PDB file of N, CA and C in Angstrom:
ATOM      1  N   MET A   1       7.471  29.382  -9.066  1.00  0.00           N
ATOM      2  CA  MET A   1       6.932  28.190  -8.928  1.00  0.00           C
ATOM      3  C   MET A   1       7.336  26.272  -9.177  1.00  0.00           C
ATOM      4  N   THR A   2       6.968  26.078  -8.523  1.00  0.00           N
ATOM      5  CA  THR A   2       7.180  24.400  -9.315  1.00  0.00           C
ATOM      6  C   THR A   2       5.777  23.621  -9.891  1.00  0.00           C
ATOM      7  N   GLY A   3       5.535  24.576 -11.057  1.00  0.00           N
ATOM      8  CA  GLY A   3       4.361  24.009 -11.685  1.00  0.00           C
ATOM      9  C   GLY A   3       4.884  23.420 -13.025  1.00  0.00           C
ATOM     10  N   ASN A   4       6.531  23.434 -13.284  1.00  0.00           N
ATOM     11  CA  ASN A   4       7.115  23.061 -13.822  1.00  0.00           C
ATOM     12  C   ASN A   4       7.016  21.756 -14.051  1.00  0.00           C
ATOM     13  N   LEU A   5       7.962  20.990 -12.409  1.00  0.00           N
ATOM     14  CA  LEU A   5       8.090  19.810 -12.259  1.00  0.00           C
ATOM     15  C   LEU A   5       7.647  18.949 -11.408  1.00  0.00           C
ATOM     16  N   GLN A   6       6.417  19.440 -11.076  1.00  0.00           N
ATOM     17  CA  GLN A   6       4.559  18.483 -10.461  1.00  0.00           C
ATOM     18  C   GLN A   6       3.568  19.463 -10.486  1.00  0.00           C
ATOM     19  N   PRO A   7       2.286  19.421 -10.396  1.00  0.00           N
ATOM     20  CA  PRO A   7       1.169  19.621 -10.261  1.00  0.00           C
ATOM     21  C   PRO A   7       0.866  20.597  -8.805  1.00  0.00           C
ATOM     22  N   LEU A   8       0.144  21.531  -9.079  1.00  0.00           N
ATOM     23  CA  LEU A   8       0.494  22.594  -8.143  1.00  0.00           C
ATOM     24  C   LEU A   8      -0.966  22.104  -6.974  1.00  0.00           C
ATOM     25  N   PRO A   9      -0.674  21.582  -6.335  1.00  0.00           N
ATOM     26  CA  PRO A   9      -2.351  21.237  -5.144  1.00  0.00           C
ATOM     27  C   PRO A   9      -3.510  21.709  -5.582  1.00  0.00           C
ATOM     28  N   LEU A  10      -4.308  20.745  -5.548  1.00  0.00           N
ATOM     29  CA  LEU A  10      -5.712  21.966  -6.342  1.00  0.00           C
ATOM     30  C   LEU A  10      -6.842  21.954  -4.317  1.00  0.00           C
ATOM     31  N   THR A  11      -7.271  22.641  -4.122  1.00  0.00           N
ATOM     32  CA  THR A  11      -8.352  21.758  -2.887  1.00  0.00           C
ATOM     33  C   THR A  11      -9.662  23.120  -3.115  1.00  0.00           C
ATOM     34  N   SER A  12     -10.606  22.524  -2.033  1.00  0.00           N
ATOM     35  CA  SER A  12     -11.833  22.393  -2.503  1.00  0.00           C
ATOM     36  C   SER A  12     -12.193  23.701  -1.268  1.00  0.00           C
ATOM     37  N   PRO A  13     -13.122  24.146  -0.723  1.00  0.00           N
ATOM     38  CA  PRO A  13     -13.696  24.943  -0.128  1.00  0.00           C
ATOM     39  C   PRO A  13     -14.822  22.854   0.018  1.00  0.00           C
ATOM     40  N   ALA A  14     -15.092  22.504  -0.035  1.00  0.00           N
ATOM     41  CA  ALA A  14     -15.795  21.394  -0.073  1.00  0.00           C
ATOM     42  C   ALA A  14     -15.539  20.322   0.954  1.00  0.00           C
ATOM     43  N   ALA A  15     -13.911  20.287   0.453  1.00  0.00           N
ATOM     44  CA  ALA A  15     -13.620  18.770   1.034  1.00  0.00           C
ATOM     45  C   ALA A  15     -13.946  19.044   2.523  1.00  0.00           C
ATOM     46  N   CYS A  16     -13.551  17.523   2.852  1.00  0.00           N
ATOM     47  CA  CYS A  16     -13.618  16.949   4.183  1.00  0.00           C
ATOM     48  C   CYS A  16     -12.936  15.880   5.045  1.00  0.00           C
ATOM     49  N   LYS A  17     -11.482  16.927   6.176  1.00  0.00           N
ATOM     50  CA  LYS A  17     -11.010  15.621   6.895  1.00  0.00           C
ATOM     51  C   LYS A  17     -11.373  14.524   7.285  1.00  0.00           C
ATOM     52  N   PRO A  18     -11.016  13.858   7.164  1.00  0.00           N
ATOM     53  CA  PRO A  18     -11.497  12.526   8.112  1.00  0.00           C
ATOM     54  C   PRO A  18     -11.201  12.826   9.716  1.00  0.00           C
ATOM     55  N   GLN A  19     -12.735  12.074  10.139  1.00  0.00           N
ATOM     56  CA  GLN A  19     -12.409  12.738  11.848  1.00  0.00           C
ATOM     57  C   GLN A  19     -11.497  11.311  12.402  1.00  0.00           C
ATOM     58  N   GLY A  20     -10.627  12.136  13.505  1.00  0.00           N
ATOM     59  CA  GLY A  20     -10.045  11.600  14.236  1.00  0.00           C
ATOM     60  C   GLY A  20      -8.540  11.053  13.345  1.00  0.00           C
ATOM     61  N   ASP A  21      -7.661  10.934  14.109  1.00  0.00           N
ATOM     62  CA  ASP A  21      -6.391  11.143  13.944  1.00  0.00           C
ATOM     63  C   ASP A  21      -5.750   8.999  12.555  1.00  0.00           C
ATOM     64  N   PRO A  22      -5.704   9.278  11.438  1.00  0.00           N
ATOM     65  CA  PRO A  22      -5.619   8.607  10.131  1.00  0.00           C
ATOM     66  C   PRO A  22      -4.305   7.580  11.199  1.00  0.00           C
ATOM     67  N   LYS A  23      -3.101   8.173  11.959  1.00  0.00           N
ATOM     68  CA  LYS A  23      -1.793   7.290  12.174  1.00  0.00           C
ATOM     69  C   LYS A  23      -3.047   6.263  13.042  1.00  0.00           C
ATOM     70  N   ALA A  24      -3.580   7.099  14.037  1.00  0.00           N
ATOM     71  CA  ALA A  24      -3.679   5.982  15.349  1.00  0.00           C
ATOM     72  C   ALA A  24      -3.613   4.559  15.418  1.00  0.00           C
ATOM     73  N   ASP A  25      -4.592   4.133  13.271  1.00  0.00           N
ATOM     74  CA  ASP A  25      -4.109   2.805  13.950  1.00  0.00           C
ATOM     75  C   ASP A  25      -3.431   2.345  13.071  1.00  0.00           C
ATOM     76  N   LYS A  26      -1.905   2.121  13.221  1.00  0.00           N
ATOM     77  CA  LYS A  26      -0.128   2.299  12.312  1.00  0.00           C
ATOM     78  C   LYS A  26      -0.541   1.298  11.759  1.00  0.00           C
ATOM     79  N   PRO A  27      -1.330  -0.232  11.829  1.00  0.00           N
ATOM     80  CA  PRO A  27      -1.141  -1.255  11.082  1.00  0.00           C
ATOM     81  C   PRO A  27      -2.275  -1.500   9.673  1.00  0.00           C
ATOM     82  N   ARG A  28      -3.663  -0.754  10.703  1.00  0.00           N
ATOM     83  CA  ARG A  28      -4.108   0.136   8.232  1.00  0.00           C
ATOM     84  C   ARG A  28      -3.491   1.253   7.991  1.00  0.00           C
ATOM     85  N   TYR A  29      -3.605   2.046   8.350  1.00  0.00           N
ATOM     86  CA  TYR A  29      -2.258   3.568   8.551  1.00  0.00           C
ATOM     87  C   TYR A  29      -1.200   2.798   7.295  1.00  0.00           C
ATOM     88  N   PHE A  30      -0.423   1.362   7.571  1.00  0.00           N
ATOM     89  CA  PHE A  30       0.641   1.558   6.230  1.00  0.00           C
ATOM     90  C   PHE A  30       0.215   1.147   6.182  1.00  0.00           C
ATOM     91  N   LEU A  31      -1.132   0.365   5.758  1.00  0.00           N
ATOM     92  CA  LEU A  31      -1.010  -0.750   4.599  1.00  0.00           C
ATOM     93  C   LEU A  31      -2.006   0.119   3.792  1.00  0.00           C
ATOM     94  N   LEU A  32      -2.992   1.099   4.144  1.00  0.00           N
ATOM     95  CA  LEU A  32      -3.659   2.010   3.015  1.00  0.00           C
ATOM     96  C   LEU A  32      -2.418   2.855   2.862  1.00  0.00           C
ATOM     97  N   THR A  33      -1.324   3.067   3.206  1.00  0.00           N
ATOM     98  CA  THR A  33      -0.561   4.084   2.624  1.00  0.00           C
ATOM     99  C   THR A  33       1.361   3.626   1.472  1.00  0.00           C
ATOM    100  N   HIS A  34       1.259   2.317   2.296  1.00  0.00           N
ATOM    101  CA  HIS A  34       1.951   1.686   2.020  1.00  0.00           C
ATOM    102  C   HIS A  34       1.489   0.082   0.301  1.00  0.00           C
ATOM    103  N   ALA A  35       0.666  -1.023   0.885  1.00  0.00           N
ATOM    104  CA  ALA A  35       0.863  -1.182  -0.381  1.00  0.00           C
ATOM    105  C   ALA A  35      -0.284  -0.667  -0.922  1.00  0.00           C
ATOM    106  N   SER A  36      -0.827  -0.321  -0.812  1.00  0.00           N
ATOM    107  CA  SER A  36      -1.889   0.454  -2.451  1.00  0.00           C
ATOM    108  C   SER A  36      -0.316   1.026  -3.426  1.00  0.00           C
ATOM    109  N   HIS A  37       0.844   0.944  -3.205  1.00  0.00           N
ATOM    110  CA  HIS A  37       1.854   1.035  -4.455  1.00  0.00           C
ATOM    111  C   HIS A  37       2.711  -0.665  -4.806  1.00  0.00           C
ATOM    112  N   LEU A  38       2.306  -0.934  -3.723  1.00  0.00           N
ATOM    113  CA  LEU A  38       2.410  -2.239  -4.373  1.00  0.00           C
ATOM    114  C   LEU A  38       1.672  -3.090  -5.155  1.00  0.00           C
ATOM    115  N   VAL A  39      -0.116  -2.761  -4.826  1.00  0.00           N
ATOM    116  CA  VAL A  39      -0.830  -3.329  -5.817  1.00  0.00           C
ATOM    117  C   VAL A  39      -0.337  -2.601  -6.725  1.00  0.00           C
ATOM    118  N   ASP A  40      -0.771  -1.683  -6.897  1.00  0.00           N
ATOM    119  CA  ASP A  40      -0.787  -0.791  -8.202  1.00  0.00           C
ATOM    120  C   ASP A  40       0.622  -1.234  -9.189  1.00  0.00           C
ATOM    121  N   SER A  41       2.140  -1.297  -7.969  1.00  0.00           N
ATOM    122  CA  SER A  41       2.194  -2.644  -9.425  1.00  0.00           C
ATOM    123  C   SER A  41       2.759  -3.551  -9.825  1.00  0.00           C
ATOM    124  N   THR A  42       2.000  -4.153  -8.986  1.00  0.00           N
ATOM    125  CA  THR A  42       1.625  -5.978  -8.845  1.00  0.00           C
ATOM    126  C   THR A  42       0.719  -5.523 -10.803  1.00  0.00           C
ATOM    127  N   ARG A  43      -0.245  -5.245 -10.697  1.00  0.00           N
ATOM    128  CA  ARG A  43      -1.851  -4.757 -11.775  1.00  0.00           C
ATOM    129  C   ARG A  43      -0.285  -4.423 -12.153  1.00  0.00           C
ATOM    130  N   TRP A  44       0.115  -3.615 -12.607  1.00  0.00           N
ATOM    131  CA  TRP A  44       0.517  -2.625 -13.861  1.00  0.00           C
ATOM    132  C   TRP A  44       1.313  -3.675 -14.457  1.00  0.00           C
ATOM    133  N   LEU A  45       1.747  -4.409 -14.114  1.00  0.00           N
ATOM    134  CA  LEU A  45       3.029  -5.952 -13.972  1.00  0.00           C
ATOM    135  C   LEU A  45       2.694  -7.194 -15.180  1.00  0.00           C
ATOM    136  N   GLY A  46       1.214  -7.679 -13.746  1.00  0.00           N
ATOM    137  CA  GLY A  46       0.841  -8.941 -14.227  1.00  0.00           C
ATOM    138  C   GLY A  46      -0.758  -9.151 -14.232  1.00  0.00           C
ATOM    139  N   GLY A  47      -1.401  -7.450 -14.895  1.00  0.00           N
ATOM    140  CA  GLY A  47      -2.376  -7.460 -15.335  1.00  0.00           C
ATOM    141  C   GLY A  47      -4.398  -7.658 -13.346  1.00  0.00           C
ATOM    142  N   PRO A  48      -4.894  -7.286 -14.402  1.00  0.00           N
ATOM    143  CA  PRO A  48      -6.049  -7.587 -13.514  1.00  0.00           C
ATOM    144  C   PRO A  48      -6.224  -8.933 -12.585  1.00  0.00           C
ATOM    145  N   LEU A  49      -6.494  -8.604 -11.167  1.00  0.00           N
ATOM    146  CA  LEU A  49      -6.332  -9.246 -10.341  1.00  0.00           C
ATOM    147  C   LEU A  49      -7.604  -9.869 -10.739  1.00  0.00           C
ATOM    148  N   LEU A  50      -7.739 -11.221  -9.647  1.00  0.00           N
ATOM    149  CA  LEU A  50      -9.644 -12.283 -10.039  1.00  0.00           C
ATOM    150  C   LEU A  50      -9.317 -11.669  -7.892  1.00  0.00           C
ATOM    151  N   SER A  51      -8.706 -12.449  -7.936  1.00  0.00           N
ATOM    152  CA  SER A  51      -8.882 -12.525  -6.263  1.00  0.00           C
ATOM    153  C   SER A  51      -7.640 -12.692  -5.578  1.00  0.00           C
ATOM    154  N   VAL A  52      -7.688 -12.224  -4.577  1.00  0.00           N
ATOM    155  CA  VAL A  52      -6.520 -11.087  -3.372  1.00  0.00           C
ATOM    156  C   VAL A  52      -7.280 -11.903  -1.745  1.00  0.00           C
ATOM    157  N   ARG A  53      -5.893 -12.942  -1.216  1.00  0.00           N
ATOM    158  CA  ARG A  53      -6.210 -13.398  -0.098  1.00  0.00           C
ATOM    159  C   ARG A  53      -4.540 -13.096   0.682  1.00  0.00           C
ATOM    160  N   ALA A  54      -5.464 -12.007   2.073  1.00  0.00           N
ATOM    161  CA  ALA A  54      -4.111 -11.578   2.560  1.00  0.00           C
ATOM    162  C   ALA A  54      -4.373 -11.831   4.409  1.00  0.00           C
ATOM    163  N   ARG A  55      -3.156 -12.032   5.155  1.00  0.00           N
ATOM    164  CA  ARG A  55      -2.323 -12.462   5.873  1.00  0.00           C
ATOM    165  C   ARG A  55      -1.977 -11.491   6.503  1.00  0.00           C
ATOM    166  N   ARG A  56      -1.919 -10.657   7.756  1.00  0.00           N
ATOM    167  CA  ARG A  56      -0.661 -10.222   8.944  1.00  0.00           C
ATOM    168  C   ARG A  56      -0.520 -10.763   9.391  1.00  0.00           C
ATOM    169  N   LEU A  57       0.550 -10.890  10.703  1.00  0.00           N
ATOM    170  CA  LEU A  57       2.010 -10.963  11.049  1.00  0.00           C
ATOM    171  C   LEU A  57       2.585  -9.716  11.865  1.00  0.00           C
ATOM    172  N   ASP A  58       1.715  -9.815  13.026  1.00  0.00           N
ATOM    173  CA  ASP A  58       3.330  -8.668  13.868  1.00  0.00           C
ATOM    174  C   ASP A  58       3.834  -9.194  14.943  1.00  0.00           C
ATOM    175  N   ARG A  59       5.537  -9.564  14.568  1.00  0.00           N
ATOM    176  CA  ARG A  59       6.373  -9.822  15.489  1.00  0.00           C
ATOM    177  C   ARG A  59       7.951  -8.962  15.737  1.00  0.00           C
ATOM    178  N   ALA A  60       7.958  -8.313  16.080  1.00  0.00           N
ATOM    179  CA  ALA A  60       9.734  -7.618  17.367  1.00  0.00           C
ATOM    180  C   ALA A  60       9.753  -6.183  16.205  1.00  0.00           C
ATOM    181  N   GLY A  61       8.348  -5.536  16.520  1.00  0.00           N
ATOM    182  CA  GLY A  61       7.952  -4.313  15.352  1.00  0.00           C
ATOM    183  C   GLY A  61       7.484  -4.085  15.077  1.00  0.00           C
ATOM    184  N   ALA A  62       7.657  -4.986  13.656  1.00  0.00           N
ATOM    185  CA  ALA A  62       7.968  -4.873  12.577  1.00  0.00           C
ATOM    186  C   ALA A  62       6.192  -5.757  12.122  1.00  0.00           C
ATOM    187  N   HIS A  63       5.134  -4.852  10.925  1.00  0.00           N
ATOM    188  CA  HIS A  63       4.087  -5.581  10.140  1.00  0.00           C
ATOM    189  C   HIS A  63       4.347  -6.307   8.769  1.00  0.00           C
ATOM    190  N   CYS A  64       4.039  -7.390   9.116  1.00  0.00           N
ATOM    191  CA  CYS A  64       4.022  -7.740   8.548  1.00  0.00           C
ATOM    192  C   CYS A  64       3.091  -8.584   7.433  1.00  0.00           C
ATOM    193  N   TRP A  65       2.710  -8.451   6.058  1.00  0.00           N
ATOM    194  CA  TRP A  65       1.964  -8.513   5.065  1.00  0.00           C
ATOM    195  C   TRP A  65       2.305  -9.602   3.996  1.00  0.00           C
ATOM    196  N   TYR A  66       1.205 -11.427   4.167  1.00  0.00           N
ATOM    197  CA  TYR A  66       2.256 -11.991   2.909  1.00  0.00           C
ATOM    198  C   TYR A  66       0.147 -12.545   2.546  1.00  0.00           C
ATOM    199  N   VAL A  67       0.823 -12.596   0.943  1.00  0.00           N
ATOM    200  CA  VAL A  67      -1.177 -11.894   0.192  1.00  0.00           C
ATOM    201  C   VAL A  67      -0.167 -12.752  -1.188  1.00  0.00           C
ATOM    202  N   GLU A  68      -1.409 -13.665  -1.319  1.00  0.00           N
ATOM    203  CA  GLU A  68      -1.814 -14.583  -2.294  1.00  0.00           C
ATOM    204  C   GLU A  68      -2.312 -13.311  -3.219  1.00  0.00           C
ATOM    205  N   VAL A  69      -2.327 -13.716  -4.426  1.00  0.00           N
ATOM    206  CA  VAL A  69      -3.408 -12.831  -5.448  1.00  0.00           C
ATOM    207  C   VAL A  69      -3.085 -14.554  -7.177  1.00  0.00           C
ATOM    208  N   GLU A  70      -4.345 -14.275  -7.220  1.00  0.00           N
ATOM    209  CA  GLU A  70      -4.886 -14.789  -9.118  1.00  0.00           C
ATOM    210  C   GLU A  70      -4.929 -13.820 -10.193  1.00  0.00           C
ATOM    211  N   PHE A  71      -5.016 -13.777 -11.186  1.00  0.00           N
ATOM    212  CA  PHE A  71      -4.563 -12.887 -11.092  1.00  0.00           C
ATOM    213  C   PHE A  71      -5.249 -13.451 -12.971  1.00  0.00           C
ATOM    214  N   ALA A  72      -6.756 -12.626 -13.829  1.00  0.00           N
ATOM    215  CA  ALA A  72      -6.932 -13.004 -14.007  1.00  0.00           C
ATOM    216  C   ALA A  72      -7.083 -13.703 -15.456  1.00  0.00           C
ATOM    217  N   GLY A  73      -5.224 -13.488 -16.434  1.00  0.00           N
ATOM    218  CA  GLY A  73      -5.053 -14.722 -17.189  1.00  0.00           C
ATOM    219  C   GLY A  73      -4.590 -15.944 -16.057  1.00  0.00           C
ATOM    220  N   GLY A  74      -5.064 -16.203 -14.950  1.00  0.00           N
ATOM    221  CA  GLY A  74      -5.046 -18.083 -14.711  1.00  0.00           C
ATOM    222  C   GLY A  74      -3.472 -17.939 -13.548  1.00  0.00           C
ATOM    223  N   ALA A  75      -2.184 -17.074 -13.866  1.00  0.00           N
ATOM    224  CA  ALA A  75      -2.027 -16.695 -13.192  1.00  0.00           C
ATOM    225  C   ALA A  75      -1.730 -16.046 -11.565  1.00  0.00           C
ATOM    226  N   LEU A  76      -0.989 -17.216 -10.275  1.00  0.00           N
ATOM    227  CA  LEU A  76      -0.898 -16.523  -9.331  1.00  0.00           C
ATOM    228  C   LEU A  76       0.222 -16.239  -8.839  1.00  0.00           C
ATOM    229  N   GLY A  77       0.420 -15.423  -8.190  1.00  0.00           N
ATOM    230  CA  GLY A  77       1.251 -14.183  -7.471  1.00  0.00           C
ATOM    231  C   GLY A  77       1.123 -14.594  -5.270  1.00  0.00           C
ATOM    232  N   HIS A  78       2.773 -13.992  -5.136  1.00  0.00           N
ATOM    233  CA  HIS A  78       2.880 -14.352  -3.690  1.00  0.00           C
ATOM    234  C   HIS A  78       3.191 -12.405  -3.865  1.00  0.00           C
ATOM    235  N   LEU A  79       2.623 -11.207  -2.747  1.00  0.00           N
ATOM    236  CA  LEU A  79       3.276 -10.723  -2.135  1.00  0.00           C
ATOM    237  C   LEU A  79       3.442 -10.627  -1.312  1.00  0.00           C
ATOM    238  N   ASP A  80       4.385  -9.566  -0.975  1.00  0.00           N
ATOM    239  CA  ASP A  80       5.097  -9.957   0.774  1.00  0.00           C
ATOM    240  C   ASP A  80       4.578  -8.095   1.081  1.00  0.00           C
ATOM    241  N   ILE A  81       4.393  -7.172   2.580  1.00  0.00           N
ATOM    242  CA  ILE A  81       5.058  -6.120   2.874  1.00  0.00           C
ATOM    243  C   ILE A  81       5.641  -6.153   3.992  1.00  0.00           C
ATOM    244  N   THR A  82       6.857  -5.830   5.076  1.00  0.00           N
ATOM    245  CA  THR A  82       7.307  -5.711   5.299  1.00  0.00           C
ATOM    246  C   THR A  82       7.232  -4.318   6.366  1.00  0.00           C
ATOM    247  N   ILE A  83       6.776  -3.819   6.710  1.00  0.00           N
ATOM    248  CA  ILE A  83       7.755  -2.208   7.583  1.00  0.00           C
ATOM    249  C   ILE A  83       7.229  -2.325   8.928  1.00  0.00           C
ATOM    250  N   PRO A  84       8.279  -1.434   9.808  1.00  0.00           N
ATOM    251  CA  PRO A  84      10.052  -1.300   9.244  1.00  0.00           C
ATOM    252  C   PRO A  84      10.476  -2.557   8.476  1.00  0.00           C
ATOM    253  N   VAL A  85      11.289  -1.912   7.444  1.00  0.00           N
ATOM    254  CA  VAL A  85      12.490  -3.044   7.242  1.00  0.00           C
ATOM    255  C   VAL A  85      13.191  -2.667   7.688  1.00  0.00           C
ATOM    256  N   ARG A  86      14.098  -3.967   7.955  1.00  0.00           N
ATOM    257  CA  ARG A  86      15.112  -3.269   8.676  1.00  0.00           C
ATOM    258  C   ARG A  86      16.491  -5.221   8.116  1.00  0.00           C
ATOM    259  N   GLY A  87      17.585  -4.361   8.048  1.00  0.00           N
ATOM    260  CA  GLY A  87      18.794  -4.674   6.999  1.00  0.00           C
ATOM    261  C   GLY A  87      19.952  -4.246   7.580  1.00  0.00           C
ATOM    262  N   ASP A  88      21.008  -5.059   7.180  1.00  0.00           N
ATOM    263  CA  ASP A  88      22.469  -4.295   6.957  1.00  0.00           C
ATOM    264  C   ASP A  88      22.002  -3.117   6.808  1.00  0.00           C
ATOM    265  N   PHE A  89      21.406  -2.420   5.663  1.00  0.00           N
ATOM    266  CA  PHE A  89      21.510  -1.140   4.355  1.00  0.00           C
ATOM    267  C   PHE A  89      21.905  -0.232   6.113  1.00  0.00           C
ATOM    268  N   GLU A  90      21.057  -0.693   6.536  1.00  0.00           N
ATOM    269  CA  GLU A  90      20.091   0.638   7.919  1.00  0.00           C
ATOM    270  C   GLU A  90      21.461   1.804   9.218  1.00  0.00           C
TER     271      GLU A  90
END
């Protein structure tokens, strides 16, 4: 078993699957599945957030979010996420 490398998933007969296809709305799906990690990392590095303002732009098949954040300590920050990532390394 792989229990020593990663925990075994727990299941429940009371678990409910959301209706519809969660990937049907791609921008929403990308934001929920990828940006959450960016925000978690930001909070771990910078501390609690007081405010968040986000804008989205779709161009050339890419979804881009530009996010302004204000930390509880008074600092301001800028986050951005672009999906898919493009570059010479592809």
